[in-house]
Amino acid sequence: MRSRNVVLVALATLALVLSVVAYSFSVPPPPGKVVSYEIVVREIESGNETVIAGGVEIAHFPRFLLDGSVVFDARAPAGEGLWRVIPGSDPVLLWEGGAGGLEPSPSPNGMEFVFNGPGISLIVYNMSTAQFASFENLSPATADLHPVFHPDGHRVLFTWSDNVADGWRPGYLGTLDVESGAVAVLLRIPEPPDTIRGAFFLPDGEHIVFDMDGLNLFDLRLGQTFRLTSWDDASFPRASGSGNLVVLQTWAAPPAGPRTYGVDLYWLDSGRRVTVLSPTGPVQPWPDIDASGQRIVYVRGVLG
């Protein structure tokens, strides 16, 4: 009887070991840590990708210029601030300063771009003259910003919210006149369901797409806002030259673990939504789309 019990115990132990081994093969290993970042250009139709800058410590907000080059916010071994890269060439540091929230956005003529300055301020940089213009009096703005040029090149759209004890409200869309420095409030949302996560002028200069608990369209002529989508998992819209195709950063919240990110395309005329990159990456891609609507650029994390 004793030998029979020993055999049973041995068999149970063997079964436990085999189940542990099987589990170890069925469960994927935990994702690696992000050790560096890349700026990637992706052809929308073919899916072909080209890394145009890599080996940087942090990277945010890559944005296409008209000549196909890309300006982005990054920290690299050679310095931190705003960089410009022409595909096939090494990145060049344009403005040295704290990286991480500069959020550059080019002008319609491609010769200037605007970005967040220290505190609550905006800076406009002219690439032909290498001159900067700083705008520090942005009252009543209190935070956020997310600057984007108006199609006329004379105004900059930006957003902000008042941080109160029970949330972010009201929410605002406003413009800065880069010639006079005057700030105008275009839209005030007294009780927003969420903070505004990015806004973008369409090419006609009369419509703004912005994210606030879904994608919204603000008609300046009518002074009315139209809710385009009910989903709240996409933000920071950027439109192509036609104004019809919008690229968005998406996110997912797994039951366990941190939020993950991806990229979607959205057609304003049909409401069609297509996933370009599934929201499985650990890094916010901050995507942009070029004027032709054929390429996107985004940030990708390199896992160690």
C-alpha atoms as a PDB file:
ATOM      1  CA  MET A   1       0.000   0.000   0.000  1.00  0.00           C
ATOM      2  CA  ARG A   2       2.850   2.338   0.875  1.00  0.00           C
ATOM      3  CA  SER A   3       4.547   1.746  -2.490  1.00  0.00           C
ATOM      4  CA  ARG A   4       1.260   2.470  -4.274  1.00  0.00           C
ATOM      5  CA  ASN A   5       0.952   5.840  -2.471  1.00  0.00           C
ATOM      6  CA  VAL A   6       4.514   6.710  -3.402  1.00  0.00           C
ATOM      7  CA  VAL A   7       3.754   5.987  -7.043  1.00  0.00           C
ATOM      8  CA  LEU A   8       0.627   8.143  -6.939  1.00  0.00           C
ATOM      9  CA  VAL A   9       2.537  11.036  -5.368  1.00  0.00           C
ATOM     10  CA  ALA A  10       5.261  10.720  -8.000  1.00  0.00           C
ATOM     11  CA  LEU A  11       2.707  10.745 -10.803  1.00  0.00           C
ATOM     12  CA  ALA A  12       0.971  13.821  -9.345  1.00  0.00           C
ATOM     13  CA  THR A  13       4.300  15.600  -9.022  1.00  0.00           C
ATOM     14  CA  LEU A  14       5.186  14.758 -12.629  1.00  0.00           C
ATOM     15  CA  ALA A  15       1.806  16.035 -13.831  1.00  0.00           C
ATOM     16  CA  LEU A  16       2.357  19.303 -11.934  1.00  0.00           C
ATOM     17  CA  VAL A  17       5.801  19.760 -13.455  1.00  0.00           C
ATOM     18  CA  LEU A  18       4.493  19.082 -16.956  1.00  0.00           C
ATOM     19  CA  SER A  19       1.638  21.558 -16.477  1.00  0.00           C
ATOM     20  CA  VAL A  20       4.073  24.248 -15.319  1.00  0.00           C
ATOM     21  CA  VAL A  21       6.297  23.592 -18.350  1.00  0.00           C
ATOM     22  CA  ALA A  22       3.306  23.731 -20.700  1.00  0.00           C
ATOM     23  CA  TYR A  23       2.142  26.991 -19.098  1.00  0.00           C
ATOM     24  CA  SER A  24       5.592  28.516 -19.467  1.00  0.00           C
ATOM     25  CA  PHE A  25       5.483  27.790 -23.208  1.00  0.00           C
ATOM     26  CA  SER A  26       1.893  28.996 -23.681  1.00  0.00           C
ATOM     27  CA  VAL A  27       2.301  32.369 -21.907  1.00  0.00           C
ATOM     28  CA  PRO A  28       4.400  34.895 -23.871  1.00  0.00           C
ATOM     29  CA  PRO A  29       7.270  36.528 -22.035  1.00  0.00           C
ATOM     30  CA  PRO A  30       6.647  40.029 -20.651  1.00  0.00           C
ATOM     31  CA  PRO A  31       7.388  42.825 -23.127  1.00  0.00           C
ATOM     32  CA  GLY A  32      10.858  44.295 -23.021  1.00  0.00           C
ATOM     33  CA  LYS A  33      11.681  47.766 -21.884  1.00  0.00           C
ATOM     34  CA  VAL A  34      11.812  50.604 -24.406  1.00  0.00           C
ATOM     35  CA  VAL A  35      15.499  51.409 -24.781  1.00  0.00           C
ATOM     36  CA  SER A  36      15.341  53.967 -27.622  1.00  0.00           C
ATOM     37  CA  TYR A  37      13.005  55.602 -30.104  1.00  0.00           C
ATOM     38  CA  GLU A  38      12.725  55.858 -33.886  1.00  0.00           C
ATOM     39  CA  ILE A  39      11.005  58.239 -36.302  1.00  0.00           C
ATOM     40  CA  VAL A  40       9.281  56.100 -38.934  1.00  0.00           C
ATOM     41  CA  VAL A  41       7.688  57.070 -42.273  1.00  0.00           C
ATOM     42  CA  ARG A  42       5.029  54.623 -43.477  1.00  0.00           C
ATOM     43  CA  GLU A  43       3.458  54.404 -46.942  1.00  0.00           C
ATOM     44  CA  ILE A  44      -0.265  54.057 -46.283  1.00  0.00           C
ATOM     45  CA  GLU A  45      -1.128  51.945 -49.336  1.00  0.00           C
ATOM     46  CA  SER A  46       1.815  49.521 -49.330  1.00  0.00           C
ATOM     47  CA  GLY A  47       2.624  49.517 -45.632  1.00  0.00           C
ATOM     48  CA  ASN A  48       6.332  49.929 -46.404  1.00  0.00           C
ATOM     49  CA  GLU A  49       8.226  51.686 -43.611  1.00  0.00           C
ATOM     50  CA  THR A  50      11.472  53.654 -43.475  1.00  0.00           C
ATOM     51  CA  VAL A  51      13.296  54.650 -40.301  1.00  0.00           C
ATOM     52  CA  ILE A  52      14.499  58.219 -40.889  1.00  0.00           C
ATOM     53  CA  ALA A  53      15.934  58.847 -37.401  1.00  0.00           C
ATOM     54  CA  GLY A  54      16.829  56.461 -34.610  1.00  0.00           C
ATOM     55  CA  GLY A  55      18.803  55.933 -31.453  1.00  0.00           C
ATOM     56  CA  VAL A  56      17.174  58.814 -29.558  1.00  0.00           C
ATOM     57  CA  GLU A  57      16.338  58.674 -25.867  1.00  0.00           C
ATOM     58  CA  ILE A  58      12.866  60.206 -26.166  1.00  0.00           C
ATOM     59  CA  ALA A  59      10.873  61.409 -29.192  1.00  0.00           C
ATOM     60  CA  HIS A  60       7.552  63.167 -29.677  1.00  0.00           C
ATOM     61  CA  PHE A  61       5.418  64.891 -32.315  1.00  0.00           C
ATOM     62  CA  PRO A  62       7.089  64.219 -35.689  1.00  0.00           C
ATOM     63  CA  ARG A  63       5.605  66.574 -38.289  1.00  0.00           C
ATOM     64  CA  PHE A  64       5.974  66.664 -42.071  1.00  0.00           C
ATOM     65  CA  LEU A  65       7.295  69.785 -43.785  1.00  0.00           C
ATOM     66  CA  LEU A  66       6.345  70.530 -47.398  1.00  0.00           C
ATOM     67  CA  ASP A  67       9.702  69.347 -48.744  1.00  0.00           C
ATOM     68  CA  GLY A  68       9.246  65.892 -47.203  1.00  0.00           C
ATOM     69  CA  SER A  69      11.579  66.497 -44.294  1.00  0.00           C
ATOM     70  CA  VAL A  70      10.341  65.980 -40.744  1.00  0.00           C
ATOM     71  CA  VAL A  71      10.682  68.125 -37.640  1.00  0.00           C
ATOM     72  CA  PHE A  72      10.373  66.413 -34.275  1.00  0.00           C
ATOM     73  CA  ASP A  73      10.925  66.883 -30.569  1.00  0.00           C
ATOM     74  CA  ALA A  74      13.616  64.592 -29.106  1.00  0.00           C
ATOM     75  CA  ARG A  75      16.463  64.006 -26.723  1.00  0.00           C
ATOM     76  CA  ALA A  76      19.536  62.488 -28.390  1.00  0.00           C
ATOM     77  CA  PRO A  77      23.186  62.010 -27.391  1.00  0.00           C
ATOM     78  CA  ALA A  78      24.041  65.160 -29.378  1.00  0.00           C
ATOM     79  CA  GLY A  79      21.467  67.339 -27.596  1.00  0.00           C
ATOM     80  CA  GLU A  80      17.780  67.821 -26.894  1.00  0.00           C
ATOM     81  CA  GLY A  81      15.168  70.068 -28.442  1.00  0.00           C
ATOM     82  CA  LEU A  82      13.716  70.392 -31.931  1.00  0.00           C
ATOM     83  CA  TRP A  83      15.329  68.408 -34.720  1.00  0.00           C
ATOM     84  CA  ARG A  84      14.859  68.335 -38.469  1.00  0.00           C
ATOM     85  CA  VAL A  85      15.687  65.321 -40.601  1.00  0.00           C
ATOM     86  CA  ILE A  86      15.738  64.969 -44.378  1.00  0.00           C
ATOM     87  CA  PRO A  87      15.252  61.270 -45.206  1.00  0.00           C
ATOM     88  CA  GLY A  88      18.650  59.796 -45.983  1.00  0.00           C
ATOM     89  CA  SER A  89      20.527  62.445 -43.981  1.00  0.00           C
ATOM     90  CA  ASP A  90      21.471  62.916 -40.347  1.00  0.00           C
ATOM     91  CA  PRO A  91      19.095  64.916 -38.102  1.00  0.00           C
ATOM     92  CA  VAL A  92      20.038  68.551 -37.420  1.00  0.00           C
ATOM     93  CA  LEU A  93      19.299  70.304 -34.112  1.00  0.00           C
ATOM     94  CA  LEU A  94      17.318  73.492 -34.824  1.00  0.00           C
ATOM     95  CA  TRP A  95      16.417  74.643 -31.331  1.00  0.00           C
ATOM     96  CA  GLU A  96      18.003  73.495 -28.108  1.00  0.00           C
ATOM     97  CA  GLY A  97      15.761  73.203 -25.091  1.00  0.00           C
ATOM     98  CA  GLY A  98      13.778  70.850 -22.915  1.00  0.00           C
ATOM     99  CA  ALA A  99      12.436  67.991 -25.015  1.00  0.00           C
ATOM    100  CA  GLY A 100       9.187  66.172 -24.376  1.00  0.00           C
ATOM    101  CA  GLY A 101       6.402  68.710 -24.815  1.00  0.00           C
ATOM    102  CA  LEU A 102       7.515  71.141 -27.536  1.00  0.00           C
ATOM    103  CA  GLU A 103       4.925  69.839 -30.018  1.00  0.00           C
ATOM    104  CA  PRO A 104       6.076  71.524 -33.268  1.00  0.00           C
ATOM    105  CA  SER A 105       3.659  72.215 -36.126  1.00  0.00           C
ATOM    106  CA  PRO A 106       4.665  73.661 -39.543  1.00  0.00           C
ATOM    107  CA  SER A 107       3.192  76.672 -41.324  1.00  0.00           C
ATOM    108  CA  PRO A 108       1.376  76.284 -44.668  1.00  0.00           C
ATOM    109  CA  ASN A 109       4.395  77.567 -46.630  1.00  0.00           C
ATOM    110  CA  GLY A 110       6.686  75.142 -44.835  1.00  0.00           C
ATOM    111  CA  MET A 111       9.167  77.851 -43.859  1.00  0.00           C
ATOM    112  CA  GLU A 112       8.064  78.285 -40.258  1.00  0.00           C
ATOM    113  CA  PHE A 113       6.837  76.139 -37.436  1.00  0.00           C
ATOM    114  CA  VAL A 114       5.285  76.900 -34.075  1.00  0.00           C
ATOM    115  CA  PHE A 115       5.976  75.049 -30.835  1.00  0.00           C
ATOM    116  CA  ASN A 116       5.373  75.248 -27.094  1.00  0.00           C
ATOM    117  CA  GLY A 117       7.784  77.546 -25.277  1.00  0.00           C
ATOM    118  CA  PRO A 118       8.663  77.713 -21.575  1.00  0.00           C
ATOM    119  CA  GLY A 119       5.683  77.976 -19.262  1.00  0.00           C
ATOM    120  CA  ILE A 120       2.548  79.059 -21.108  1.00  0.00           C
ATOM    121  CA  SER A 121       4.060  80.495 -24.278  1.00  0.00           C
ATOM    122  CA  LEU A 122       4.407  79.815 -27.980  1.00  0.00           C
ATOM    123  CA  ILE A 123       7.485  80.224 -30.193  1.00  0.00           C
ATOM    124  CA  VAL A 124       7.493  80.652 -33.977  1.00  0.00           C
ATOM    125  CA  TYR A 125      10.729  79.654 -35.738  1.00  0.00           C
ATOM    126  CA  ASN A 126      11.590  80.808 -39.270  1.00  0.00           C
ATOM    127  CA  MET A 127      13.870  78.275 -40.974  1.00  0.00           C
ATOM    128  CA  SER A 128      15.031  80.661 -43.724  1.00  0.00           C
ATOM    129  CA  THR A 129      16.255  83.294 -41.268  1.00  0.00           C
ATOM    130  CA  ALA A 130      16.841  81.047 -38.203  1.00  0.00           C
ATOM    131  CA  GLN A 131      14.973  83.674 -36.161  1.00  0.00           C
ATOM    132  CA  PHE A 132      12.548  83.052 -33.316  1.00  0.00           C
ATOM    133  CA  ALA A 133       9.519  85.034 -32.183  1.00  0.00           C
ATOM    134  CA  SER A 134       8.232  84.339 -28.674  1.00  0.00           C
ATOM    135  CA  PHE A 135       4.647  84.993 -27.516  1.00  0.00           C
ATOM    136  CA  GLU A 136       4.305  84.885 -23.750  1.00  0.00           C
ATOM    137  CA  ASN A 137       1.059  86.765 -23.054  1.00  0.00           C
ATOM    138  CA  LEU A 138      -1.528  84.163 -24.042  1.00  0.00           C
ATOM    139  CA  SER A 139      -4.189  85.130 -21.492  1.00  0.00           C
ATOM    140  CA  PRO A 140      -6.707  83.672 -20.818  1.00  0.00           C
ATOM    141  CA  ALA A 141      -4.892  80.413 -21.687  1.00  0.00           C
ATOM    142  CA  THR A 142      -3.742  78.470 -18.635  1.00  0.00           C
ATOM    143  CA  ALA A 143      -2.358  75.154 -19.951  1.00  0.00           C
ATOM    144  CA  ASP A 144      -2.306  72.565 -22.768  1.00  0.00           C
ATOM    145  CA  LEU A 145      -1.716  74.631 -25.986  1.00  0.00           C
ATOM    146  CA  HIS A 146      -1.249  71.981 -28.803  1.00  0.00           C
ATOM    147  CA  PRO A 147      -0.468  74.707 -31.401  1.00  0.00           C
ATOM    148  CA  VAL A 148      -1.360  74.409 -35.113  1.00  0.00           C
ATOM    149  CA  PHE A 149      -1.080  77.025 -37.880  1.00  0.00           C
ATOM    150  CA  HIS A 150      -4.170  78.394 -39.615  1.00  0.00           C
ATOM    151  CA  PRO A 151      -4.052  77.888 -43.414  1.00  0.00           C
ATOM    152  CA  ASP A 152      -3.470  81.650 -43.869  1.00  0.00           C
ATOM    153  CA  GLY A 153      -0.179  81.367 -41.964  1.00  0.00           C
ATOM    154  CA  HIS A 154      -0.970  84.427 -39.837  1.00  0.00           C
ATOM    155  CA  ARG A 155      -2.734  82.742 -36.954  1.00  0.00           C
ATOM    156  CA  VAL A 156      -2.047  79.787 -34.670  1.00  0.00           C
ATOM    157  CA  LEU A 157      -4.801  77.601 -33.260  1.00  0.00           C
ATOM    158  CA  PHE A 158      -4.305  76.267 -29.749  1.00  0.00           C
ATOM    159  CA  THR A 159      -6.370  74.710 -26.970  1.00  0.00           C
ATOM    160  CA  TRP A 160      -6.530  74.921 -23.227  1.00  0.00           C
ATOM    161  CA  SER A 161      -8.654  73.976 -20.227  1.00  0.00           C
ATOM    162  CA  ASP A 162      -9.081  75.497 -16.796  1.00  0.00           C
ATOM    163  CA  ASN A 163      -8.008  72.999 -14.145  1.00  0.00           C
ATOM    164  CA  VAL A 164     -10.538  73.064 -11.312  1.00  0.00           C
ATOM    165  CA  ALA A 165     -11.023  70.794  -8.321  1.00  0.00           C
ATOM    166  CA  ASP A 166     -13.553  68.479 -10.011  1.00  0.00           C
ATOM    167  CA  GLY A 167     -11.979  68.253 -13.468  1.00  0.00           C
ATOM    168  CA  TRP A 168     -10.918  70.206 -16.562  1.00  0.00           C
ATOM    169  CA  ARG A 169     -13.472  72.873 -17.444  1.00  0.00           C
ATOM    170  CA  PRO A 170     -14.260  74.949 -19.327  1.00  0.00           C
ATOM    171  CA  GLY A 171     -12.449  73.902 -22.534  1.00  0.00           C
ATOM    172  CA  TYR A 172     -11.330  76.423 -25.133  1.00  0.00           C
ATOM    173  CA  LEU A 173     -10.249  76.756 -28.743  1.00  0.00           C
ATOM    174  CA  GLY A 174      -8.395  79.977 -29.442  1.00  0.00           C
ATOM    175  CA  THR A 175      -6.047  81.619 -31.913  1.00  0.00           C
ATOM    176  CA  LEU A 176      -2.899  83.697 -31.644  1.00  0.00           C
ATOM    177  CA  ASP A 177      -2.253  86.365 -34.304  1.00  0.00           C
ATOM    178  CA  VAL A 178       1.487  85.966 -34.954  1.00  0.00           C
ATOM    179  CA  GLU A 179       1.744  89.553 -36.259  1.00  0.00           C
ATOM    180  CA  SER A 180      -0.089  91.458 -33.515  1.00  0.00           C
ATOM    181  CA  GLY A 181       0.157  88.910 -30.670  1.00  0.00           C
ATOM    182  CA  ALA A 182      -3.608  89.164 -30.066  1.00  0.00           C
ATOM    183  CA  VAL A 183      -5.430  86.135 -28.656  1.00  0.00           C
ATOM    184  CA  ALA A 184      -9.020  85.395 -29.693  1.00  0.00           C
ATOM    185  CA  VAL A 185     -11.344  82.790 -28.158  1.00  0.00           C
ATOM    186  CA  LEU A 186     -13.122  80.856 -30.916  1.00  0.00           C
ATOM    187  CA  LEU A 187     -15.021  78.350 -28.792  1.00  0.00           C
ATOM    188  CA  ARG A 188     -15.742  78.006 -25.090  1.00  0.00           C
ATOM    189  CA  ILE A 189     -17.171  74.707 -23.824  1.00  0.00           C
ATOM    190  CA  PRO A 190     -18.531  75.302 -20.291  1.00  0.00           C
ATOM    191  CA  GLU A 191     -18.854  71.649 -19.227  1.00  0.00           C
ATOM    192  CA  PRO A 192     -16.631  69.488 -21.436  1.00  0.00           C
ATOM    193  CA  PRO A 193     -16.878  65.720 -20.873  1.00  0.00           C
ATOM    194  CA  ASP A 194     -13.108  65.513 -21.111  1.00  0.00           C
ATOM    195  CA  THR A 195     -10.058  67.663 -21.806  1.00  0.00           C
ATOM    196  CA  ILE A 196      -9.439  68.662 -25.439  1.00  0.00           C
ATOM    197  CA  ARG A 197      -6.719  66.431 -26.888  1.00  0.00           C
ATOM    198  CA  GLY A 198      -5.551  68.219 -30.001  1.00  0.00           C
ATOM    199  CA  ALA A 199      -7.225  70.310 -32.710  1.00  0.00           C
ATOM    200  CA  PHE A 200      -6.490  70.934 -36.387  1.00  0.00           C
ATOM    201  CA  PHE A 201      -7.663  73.444 -39.015  1.00  0.00           C
ATOM    202  CA  LEU A 202      -9.059  71.959 -42.208  1.00  0.00           C
ATOM    203  CA  PRO A 203      -7.674  73.540 -45.426  1.00  0.00           C
ATOM    204  CA  ASP A 204     -10.662  75.891 -45.869  1.00  0.00           C
ATOM    205  CA  GLY A 205      -9.767  77.638 -42.611  1.00  0.00           C
ATOM    206  CA  GLU A 206     -13.443  77.602 -41.600  1.00  0.00           C
ATOM    207  CA  HIS A 207     -13.600  74.209 -39.908  1.00  0.00           C
ATOM    208  CA  ILE A 208     -11.653  72.682 -37.020  1.00  0.00           C
ATOM    209  CA  VAL A 209     -11.516  69.008 -36.078  1.00  0.00           C
ATOM    210  CA  PHE A 210     -10.725  68.344 -32.440  1.00  0.00           C
ATOM    211  CA  ASP A 211     -10.861  65.497 -29.976  1.00  0.00           C
ATOM    212  CA  MET A 212     -12.956  65.752 -26.851  1.00  0.00           C
ATOM    213  CA  ASP A 213     -14.471  62.429 -25.821  1.00  0.00           C
ATOM    214  CA  GLY A 214     -14.728  61.648 -29.545  1.00  0.00           C
ATOM    215  CA  LEU A 215     -13.955  63.479 -32.781  1.00  0.00           C
ATOM    216  CA  ASN A 216     -15.760  66.808 -33.211  1.00  0.00           C
ATOM    217  CA  LEU A 217     -16.078  69.377 -36.009  1.00  0.00           C
ATOM    218  CA  PHE A 218     -16.380  73.093 -35.217  1.00  0.00           C
ATOM    219  CA  ASP A 219     -17.858  75.281 -37.986  1.00  0.00           C
ATOM    220  CA  LEU A 220     -16.564  78.839 -37.516  1.00  0.00           C
ATOM    221  CA  ARG A 221     -19.141  80.370 -39.863  1.00  0.00           C
ATOM    222  CA  LEU A 222     -22.072  78.818 -38.022  1.00  0.00           C
ATOM    223  CA  GLY A 223     -20.446  78.915 -34.604  1.00  0.00           C
ATOM    224  CA  GLN A 224     -21.636  75.342 -34.029  1.00  0.00           C
ATOM    225  CA  THR A 225     -19.961  72.093 -33.037  1.00  0.00           C
ATOM    226  CA  PHE A 226     -20.909  68.746 -34.575  1.00  0.00           C
ATOM    227  CA  ARG A 227     -19.992  65.436 -32.963  1.00  0.00           C
ATOM    228  CA  LEU A 228     -18.577  63.121 -35.635  1.00  0.00           C
ATOM    229  CA  THR A 229     -17.819  59.996 -33.637  1.00  0.00           C
ATOM    230  CA  SER A 230     -18.905  58.406 -30.387  1.00  0.00           C
ATOM    231  CA  TRP A 231     -15.663  56.523 -29.716  1.00  0.00           C
ATOM    232  CA  ASP A 232     -13.296  58.061 -27.188  1.00  0.00           C
ATOM    233  CA  ASP A 233     -10.153  56.015 -27.867  1.00  0.00           C
ATOM    234  CA  ALA A 234      -8.535  58.372 -30.406  1.00  0.00           C
ATOM    235  CA  SER A 235      -6.951  61.802 -30.130  1.00  0.00           C
ATOM    236  CA  PHE A 236      -4.601  64.411 -31.635  1.00  0.00           C
ATOM    237  CA  PRO A 237      -6.173  64.592 -35.138  1.00  0.00           C
ATOM    238  CA  ARG A 238      -4.069  65.741 -38.124  1.00  0.00           C
ATOM    239  CA  ALA A 239      -5.588  66.223 -41.601  1.00  0.00           C
ATOM    240  CA  SER A 240      -4.179  65.681 -45.081  1.00  0.00           C
ATOM    241  CA  GLY A 241      -4.037  68.436 -47.719  1.00  0.00           C
ATOM    242  CA  SER A 242      -7.512  67.575 -49.003  1.00  0.00           C
ATOM    243  CA  GLY A 243      -8.922  67.903 -45.503  1.00  0.00           C
ATOM    244  CA  ASN A 244     -10.918  64.687 -45.867  1.00  0.00           C
ATOM    245  CA  LEU A 245      -8.456  62.178 -44.457  1.00  0.00           C
ATOM    246  CA  VAL A 246      -7.537  62.449 -40.766  1.00  0.00           C
ATOM    247  CA  VAL A 247      -4.892  60.497 -38.865  1.00  0.00           C
ATOM    248  CA  LEU A 248      -5.419  59.835 -35.151  1.00  0.00           C
ATOM    249  CA  GLN A 249      -3.514  58.377 -32.244  1.00  0.00           C
ATOM    250  CA  THR A 250      -5.481  55.528 -30.648  1.00  0.00           C
ATOM    251  CA  TRP A 251      -5.168  53.743 -27.329  1.00  0.00           C
ATOM    252  CA  ALA A 252      -6.329  50.628 -25.520  1.00  0.00           C
ATOM    253  CA  ALA A 253      -6.490  49.834 -21.819  1.00  0.00           C
ATOM    254  CA  PRO A 254      -5.714  46.143 -21.142  1.00  0.00           C
ATOM    255  CA  PRO A 255      -7.273  44.541 -18.020  1.00  0.00           C
ATOM    256  CA  ALA A 256      -3.788  44.381 -16.521  1.00  0.00           C
ATOM    257  CA  GLY A 257      -0.893  46.560 -17.500  1.00  0.00           C
ATOM    258  CA  PRO A 258      -0.349  50.061 -18.872  1.00  0.00           C
ATOM    259  CA  ARG A 259      -2.211  51.718 -21.729  1.00  0.00           C
ATOM    260  CA  THR A 260      -1.046  50.829 -25.256  1.00  0.00           C
ATOM    261  CA  TYR A 261      -1.174  52.890 -28.449  1.00  0.00           C
ATOM    262  CA  GLY A 262      -1.794  52.679 -32.194  1.00  0.00           C
ATOM    263  CA  VAL A 263      -2.749  54.713 -35.282  1.00  0.00           C
ATOM    264  CA  ASP A 264      -6.043  54.986 -37.203  1.00  0.00           C
ATOM    265  CA  LEU A 265      -7.219  56.778 -40.336  1.00  0.00           C
ATOM    266  CA  TYR A 266     -10.653  58.417 -40.527  1.00  0.00           C
ATOM    267  CA  TRP A 267     -12.465  59.762 -43.614  1.00  0.00           C
ATOM    268  CA  LEU A 268     -14.647  62.763 -42.802  1.00  0.00           C
ATOM    269  CA  ASP A 269     -16.954  62.351 -45.821  1.00  0.00           C
ATOM    270  CA  SER A 270     -17.862  58.707 -45.234  1.00  0.00           C
ATOM    271  CA  GLY A 271     -17.102  58.090 -41.566  1.00  0.00           C
ATOM    272  CA  ARG A 272     -14.876  55.172 -42.555  1.00  0.00           C
ATOM    273  CA  ARG A 273     -12.251  54.216 -39.975  1.00  0.00           C
ATOM    274  CA  VAL A 274      -9.228  52.028 -40.731  1.00  0.00           C
ATOM    275  CA  THR A 275      -6.578  50.801 -38.307  1.00  0.00           C
ATOM    276  CA  VAL A 276      -3.017  51.345 -39.550  1.00  0.00           C
ATOM    277  CA  LEU A 277      -1.234  50.252 -36.391  1.00  0.00           C
ATOM    278  CA  SER A 278      -3.105  48.184 -33.805  1.00  0.00           C
ATOM    279  CA  PRO A 279      -3.042  49.723 -30.308  1.00  0.00           C
ATOM    280  CA  THR A 280      -0.507  47.297 -28.901  1.00  0.00           C
ATOM    281  CA  GLY A 281       2.627  49.446 -28.665  1.00  0.00           C
ATOM    282  CA  PRO A 282       3.928  50.886 -25.379  1.00  0.00           C
ATOM    283  CA  VAL A 283       4.876  54.249 -26.940  1.00  0.00           C
ATOM    284  CA  GLN A 284       2.597  57.104 -28.011  1.00  0.00           C
ATOM    285  CA  PRO A 285       3.138  57.440 -31.790  1.00  0.00           C
ATOM    286  CA  TRP A 286       1.993  61.084 -32.161  1.00  0.00           C
ATOM    287  CA  PRO A 287       1.236  60.495 -35.895  1.00  0.00           C
ATOM    288  CA  ASP A 288       1.119  63.046 -38.718  1.00  0.00           C
ATOM    289  CA  ILE A 289      -0.060  62.684 -42.325  1.00  0.00           C
ATOM    290  CA  ASP A 290       1.512  64.398 -45.327  1.00  0.00           C
ATOM    291  CA  ALA A 291      -0.306  66.788 -47.671  1.00  0.00           C
ATOM    292  CA  SER A 292      -0.835  64.082 -50.302  1.00  0.00           C
ATOM    293  CA  GLY A 293      -2.529  61.766 -47.821  1.00  0.00           C
ATOM    294  CA  GLN A 294      -0.190  58.940 -48.869  1.00  0.00           C
ATOM    295  CA  ARG A 295       2.254  58.773 -45.957  1.00  0.00           C
ATOM    296  CA  ILE A 296       2.216  58.996 -42.198  1.00  0.00           C
ATOM    297  CA  VAL A 297       5.093  59.595 -39.813  1.00  0.00           C
ATOM    298  CA  TYR A 298       5.137  58.346 -36.248  1.00  0.00           C
ATOM    299  CA  VAL A 299       7.282  57.520 -33.215  1.00  0.00           C
ATOM    300  CA  ARG A 300       8.149  53.884 -32.532  1.00  0.00           C
ATOM    301  CA  GLY A 301       9.782  52.424 -29.435  1.00  0.00           C
ATOM    302  CA  VAL A 302      12.673  49.966 -29.711  1.00  0.00           C
ATOM    303  CA  LEU A 303      12.448  47.232 -27.097  1.00  0.00           C
ATOM    304  CA  GLY A 304      15.528  45.893 -25.352  1.00  0.00           C
END
